[in-house]
N, C-alpha and C. Protein backbone atom coordinates (compact mmCIF):
# COMPACT_ATOMS: atom_id res chain seq x y z
N MET A 1 87.35 90.89 88.26
CA MET A 1 88.66 91.56 88.36
C MET A 1 88.89 92.82 87.15
N SER A 2 89.17 93.59 87.40
CA SER A 2 89.22 95.13 86.44
C SER A 2 90.29 94.74 85.44
N THR A 3 89.98 94.28 84.39
CA THR A 3 90.58 94.41 83.27
C THR A 3 92.00 95.64 83.26
N GLU A 4 91.38 96.50 83.41
CA GLU A 4 92.36 97.77 83.24
C GLU A 4 93.43 97.77 84.37
N LEU A 5 93.03 97.60 85.71
CA LEU A 5 93.66 96.94 86.69
C LEU A 5 95.18 95.57 86.31
N TYR A 6 94.31 94.77 85.62
CA TYR A 6 95.15 93.59 85.46
C TYR A 6 96.44 94.16 84.62
N GLU A 7 96.20 94.94 83.48
CA GLU A 7 96.87 95.72 81.99
C GLU A 7 97.97 96.58 82.81
N LYS A 8 97.52 97.59 83.54
CA LYS A 8 98.51 97.97 84.78
C LYS A 8 99.85 97.60 85.31
N VAL A 9 99.11 96.60 85.95
CA VAL A 9 100.05 95.93 86.94
C VAL A 9 101.07 94.67 85.83
N GLU A 10 100.11 94.43 84.60
CA GLU A 10 101.31 93.53 83.52
C GLU A 10 102.30 94.46 83.12
N LYS A 11 101.89 95.91 82.53
CA LYS A 11 103.05 96.60 82.13
C LYS A 11 103.98 97.03 83.11
N VAL A 12 103.58 97.13 84.88
CA VAL A 12 104.57 97.27 85.77
C VAL A 12 106.05 96.03 85.90
N ILE A 13 105.19 94.81 85.93
CA ILE A 13 106.14 93.16 85.82
C ILE A 13 106.75 93.36 84.62
N GLN A 14 106.34 94.13 83.81
CA GLN A 14 107.46 93.98 82.47
C GLN A 14 108.54 94.94 82.38
N ILE A 15 108.46 96.13 83.10
CA ILE A 15 109.34 97.03 83.56
C ILE A 15 110.33 96.41 84.59
N MET A 16 109.96 95.51 85.29
CA MET A 16 110.92 94.83 86.11
C MET A 16 111.52 93.55 86.08
N ARG A 17 111.15 92.71 85.29
CA ARG A 17 111.39 91.65 84.44
C ARG A 17 112.88 92.06 84.07
N PRO A 18 113.42 92.47 83.34
CA PRO A 18 114.82 92.55 83.09
C PRO A 18 115.97 92.19 84.72
N ALA A 19 115.52 93.49 85.65
CA ALA A 19 115.86 93.25 86.89
C ALA A 19 116.24 91.69 87.12
N ILE A 20 114.97 90.65 87.33
CA ILE A 20 114.98 89.90 87.87
C ILE A 20 115.51 88.18 86.81
N GLN A 21 115.50 88.85 85.73
CA GLN A 21 115.86 87.82 84.82
C GLN A 21 117.29 88.04 84.66
N ALA A 22 117.99 89.46 84.80
CA ALA A 22 119.61 89.66 85.37
C ALA A 22 120.25 88.74 86.10
N ASP A 23 119.81 88.00 87.03
CA ASP A 23 119.96 86.89 88.25
C ASP A 23 118.91 85.37 87.62
N GLU A 24 118.64 85.61 86.57
CA GLU A 24 118.46 84.21 85.95
C GLU A 24 117.57 83.52 86.47
N GLY A 25 116.72 84.59 87.42
CA GLY A 25 115.19 84.11 87.67
C GLY A 25 113.93 84.79 86.13
N ASP A 26 112.59 84.73 86.83
CA ASP A 26 111.83 85.07 86.06
C ASP A 26 110.43 85.49 86.55
N ILE A 27 109.69 86.35 86.53
CA ILE A 27 108.47 86.67 87.05
C ILE A 27 107.10 86.73 86.10
N PHE A 28 106.09 85.95 86.27
CA PHE A 28 104.58 86.00 85.21
C PHE A 28 103.51 86.41 86.07
N LEU A 29 102.96 87.48 85.59
CA LEU A 29 101.81 87.09 86.74
C LEU A 29 100.48 86.08 86.06
N ARG A 30 99.60 86.14 87.15
CA ARG A 30 98.69 84.77 87.49
C ARG A 30 97.92 85.47 87.56
N GLY A 31 97.34 86.68 87.88
CA GLY A 31 95.97 87.21 88.19
C GLY A 31 96.19 88.26 88.69
N VAL A 32 94.71 88.93 89.06
CA VAL A 32 94.36 90.08 90.03
C VAL A 32 93.18 89.72 90.51
N ASP A 33 92.78 90.02 91.76
CA ASP A 33 91.34 89.55 92.45
C ASP A 33 90.79 90.76 92.29
N ASP A 34 89.48 90.68 92.71
CA ASP A 34 88.81 91.80 92.64
C ASP A 34 89.21 92.32 94.02
N GLU A 35 90.01 92.51 95.23
CA GLU A 35 90.52 93.39 96.01
C GLU A 35 92.09 93.64 95.94
N GLY A 36 92.24 93.43 95.00
CA GLY A 36 93.49 94.00 94.55
C GLY A 36 94.98 93.38 94.59
N LEU A 37 94.52 91.88 95.23
CA LEU A 37 95.95 90.64 95.50
C LEU A 37 96.04 90.25 94.17
N VAL A 38 97.22 90.58 94.08
CA VAL A 38 98.10 90.16 92.66
C VAL A 38 99.04 88.82 92.75
N SER A 39 98.60 88.25 92.29
CA SER A 39 99.11 86.62 92.39
C SER A 39 100.26 86.52 90.64
N VAL A 40 101.53 86.11 91.51
CA VAL A 40 102.71 85.85 90.63
C VAL A 40 103.55 84.79 90.59
N GLU A 41 103.75 84.15 89.72
CA GLU A 41 104.61 83.04 89.61
C GLU A 41 106.11 83.38 89.79
N LEU A 42 107.08 83.13 90.54
CA LEU A 42 108.91 83.40 90.18
C LEU A 42 109.58 82.29 89.98
N THR A 43 110.12 82.58 88.76
CA THR A 43 110.73 80.87 88.30
C THR A 43 112.11 81.02 88.03
N GLY A 44 112.61 79.89 87.68
CA GLY A 44 114.16 80.02 87.73
C GLY A 44 115.00 80.00 88.79
N ALA A 45 115.81 80.92 89.09
CA ALA A 45 116.83 80.94 90.35
C ALA A 45 115.73 81.43 91.26
N CYS A 46 114.91 82.38 91.23
CA CYS A 46 114.41 82.64 92.32
C CYS A 46 113.83 81.82 93.13
N VAL A 47 113.47 80.13 92.16
CA VAL A 47 112.87 79.60 93.38
C VAL A 47 113.45 78.80 94.26
N THR A 48 115.06 78.52 94.13
CA THR A 48 115.94 78.28 94.67
C THR A 48 116.54 79.54 96.01
N CYS A 49 116.57 80.83 95.34
CA CYS A 49 117.10 81.95 96.21
C CYS A 49 116.27 81.89 97.57
N PRO A 50 117.46 82.12 98.66
CA PRO A 50 117.17 82.30 99.88
C PRO A 50 116.18 84.06 100.02
N VAL A 51 116.49 84.67 99.23
CA VAL A 51 115.91 86.05 99.68
C VAL A 51 114.82 85.84 98.29
N SER A 52 114.11 85.13 98.26
CA SER A 52 112.89 85.38 96.78
C SER A 52 111.85 86.24 97.71
N THR A 53 111.48 85.60 99.00
CA THR A 53 110.52 85.96 99.49
C THR A 53 110.77 87.54 100.05
N ALA A 54 111.70 88.08 100.02
CA ALA A 54 111.78 89.34 100.17
C ALA A 54 111.91 90.09 98.87
N THR A 55 112.30 89.74 97.95
CA THR A 55 112.48 90.08 96.82
C THR A 55 110.92 90.49 96.34
N LEU A 56 109.84 89.48 96.50
CA LEU A 56 108.47 89.64 96.31
C LEU A 56 107.72 90.73 96.85
N LYS A 57 108.21 90.47 98.09
CA LYS A 57 107.41 91.80 99.20
C LYS A 57 108.27 93.00 99.37
N ASP A 58 109.25 92.82 99.51
CA ASP A 58 109.87 94.24 99.74
C ASP A 58 110.53 94.79 98.35
N GLY A 59 110.31 94.37 97.17
CA GLY A 59 110.62 94.54 95.88
C GLY A 59 109.25 94.79 95.38
N VAL A 60 108.42 93.65 94.42
CA VAL A 60 107.35 93.54 93.85
C VAL A 60 106.41 94.17 94.44
N GLU A 61 106.15 93.81 95.32
CA GLU A 61 104.79 94.18 95.93
C GLU A 61 105.22 96.11 96.60
N ARG A 62 106.06 96.41 97.07
CA ARG A 62 106.37 97.81 97.11
C ARG A 62 106.01 98.60 95.62
N ILE A 63 106.80 98.07 94.86
CA ILE A 63 106.47 98.91 93.52
C ILE A 63 105.27 98.74 92.73
N LEU A 64 104.57 97.82 92.87
CA LEU A 64 103.43 97.66 92.57
C LEU A 64 102.21 98.74 93.38
N LYS A 65 102.21 98.14 94.28
CA LYS A 65 101.57 99.40 95.47
C LYS A 65 101.65 100.97 95.32
N LYS A 66 102.98 101.24 94.74
CA LYS A 66 103.41 102.61 94.66
C LYS A 66 102.86 103.14 93.29
N ARG A 67 102.71 102.36 92.45
CA ARG A 67 102.58 102.43 90.81
C ARG A 67 101.52 102.26 90.22
N VAL A 68 100.57 101.43 91.14
CA VAL A 68 99.25 101.24 90.51
C VAL A 68 98.27 101.14 91.61
N GLU A 69 97.89 101.90 91.45
CA GLU A 69 96.47 102.06 92.51
C GLU A 69 95.69 101.37 92.46
N GLY A 70 95.12 100.63 93.50
CA GLY A 70 94.41 99.52 93.67
C GLY A 70 95.00 98.16 94.04
N VAL A 71 96.10 97.79 93.64
CA VAL A 71 96.85 96.81 94.35
C VAL A 71 97.05 96.70 95.81
N THR A 72 96.97 96.07 96.47
CA THR A 72 96.72 95.55 98.04
C THR A 72 97.94 94.63 98.64
N GLY A 73 98.32 94.10 97.59
CA GLY A 73 99.26 92.73 98.27
C GLY A 73 99.89 91.89 96.97
N VAL A 74 100.72 91.44 97.15
CA VAL A 74 101.13 90.50 96.27
C VAL A 74 101.47 89.06 96.40
N GLN A 75 100.81 87.97 96.13
CA GLN A 75 101.08 86.59 96.39
C GLN A 75 101.92 85.93 95.83
N HIS A 76 102.94 84.59 95.98
CA HIS A 76 103.69 83.80 94.89
C HIS A 76 102.59 82.72 94.99
N VAL A 77 102.43 82.43 93.28
CA VAL A 77 101.76 80.92 93.27
C VAL A 77 102.75 80.40 92.08
N GLY A 78 102.67 78.79 92.55
CA GLY A 78 103.83 77.84 91.84
C GLY A 78 104.12 77.32 92.99
N ALA A 79 105.72 76.48 92.14
CA ALA A 79 106.53 76.29 93.54
C ALA A 79 106.83 76.96 94.62
N GLU A 80 107.05 76.04 95.44
CA GLU A 80 107.38 76.83 97.05
C GLU A 80 108.75 77.32 96.53
N LEU A 81 108.80 79.05 97.33
CA LEU A 81 109.86 79.33 97.18
C LEU A 81 111.02 79.18 98.41
N ALA A 82 112.60 79.05 98.27
CA ALA A 82 113.41 78.77 99.20
C ALA A 82 113.20 79.63 100.67
N GLY A 83 113.56 78.94 101.38
CA GLY A 83 113.32 80.09 102.76
C GLY A 83 111.99 80.08 103.37
N GLU A 84 111.11 79.67 102.34
CA GLU A 84 109.64 79.78 102.77
C GLU A 84 109.31 78.79 103.74
N GLU A 85 108.53 79.49 105.02
CA GLU A 85 108.10 78.21 106.35
C GLU A 85 106.94 78.27 105.94
N GLU A 86 105.84 77.58 106.66
CA GLU A 86 104.78 77.15 106.58
C GLU A 86 104.11 78.58 107.23
N GLY A 87 103.34 79.17 106.93
CA GLY A 87 102.46 80.21 107.14
C GLY A 87 102.03 81.22 106.54
N THR A 88 101.44 82.74 106.39
CA THR A 88 101.24 83.59 105.84
C THR A 88 101.39 84.60 105.71
N ILE A 89 102.48 85.24 104.89
CA ILE A 89 103.25 86.66 104.72
C ILE A 89 101.74 87.44 104.42
N VAL A 90 101.47 88.52 105.55
CA VAL A 90 100.56 89.77 105.32
C VAL A 90 101.52 91.11 105.67
N SER A 91 100.58 91.92 104.94
CA SER A 91 101.45 93.31 104.36
C SER A 91 100.94 94.14 105.50
N LEU A 92 101.94 94.78 106.31
CA LEU A 92 101.55 95.63 107.40
C LEU A 92 101.65 97.07 107.41
N PRO A 93 101.76 98.04 107.85
CA PRO A 93 101.18 99.25 107.57
C PRO A 93 103.07 99.94 107.38
N GLY A 94 103.42 100.84 106.50
CA GLY A 94 104.77 101.13 106.21
C GLY A 94 105.15 100.20 105.66
N GLY A 95 105.29 99.41 104.90
CA GLY A 95 105.47 98.60 103.73
C GLY A 95 106.31 97.34 104.65
N LYS A 96 105.74 97.22 105.33
CA LYS A 96 106.83 95.78 106.05
C LYS A 96 105.66 94.85 106.03
N SER A 97 106.20 93.45 106.17
CA SER A 97 105.64 92.24 106.07
C SER A 97 106.07 91.37 107.41
N ALA A 98 104.86 90.40 107.69
CA ALA A 98 105.37 89.44 108.48
C ALA A 98 104.87 88.22 108.31
N LYS A 99 105.26 87.00 108.65
CA LYS A 99 104.69 85.90 108.73
C LYS A 99 103.84 85.35 109.93
N ILE A 100 102.83 84.88 109.45
CA ILE A 100 101.88 84.46 110.49
C ILE A 100 102.28 82.98 110.65
N SER A 101 102.54 82.28 111.32
CA SER A 101 101.99 80.86 111.76
C SER A 101 100.89 80.42 112.15
N PRO A 102 100.54 79.24 111.98
CA PRO A 102 99.29 78.80 112.09
C PRO A 102 99.46 77.71 112.83
N PHE A 103 100.70 78.05 113.85
CA PHE A 103 101.04 76.82 114.78
C PHE A 103 100.99 77.89 116.38
N THR A 104 100.69 79.07 116.14
CA THR A 104 101.39 79.83 117.34
C THR A 104 100.17 80.65 118.07
């Protein structure tokens, strides 16, 4: 992992934090791997919020990809978020995301 990439991601997350905290949640950077996949932990109200997965993909991921070159995606680590079903969320072209179920 590039220290420079981690620091750039951390800087952007700190800019986003007040908006998430305003809704009684929080976000913490937990890592950035060599492929640019960012691991974050959403806490507080985010854990029980039914739109937290959308916030993660349509908000956090979109902003990080736009502002930090090298970011390829964002994943949540930590407590399971409300509304998450078993499966994997993948990023698609055009800023869209989809859930792939292991049972289909």
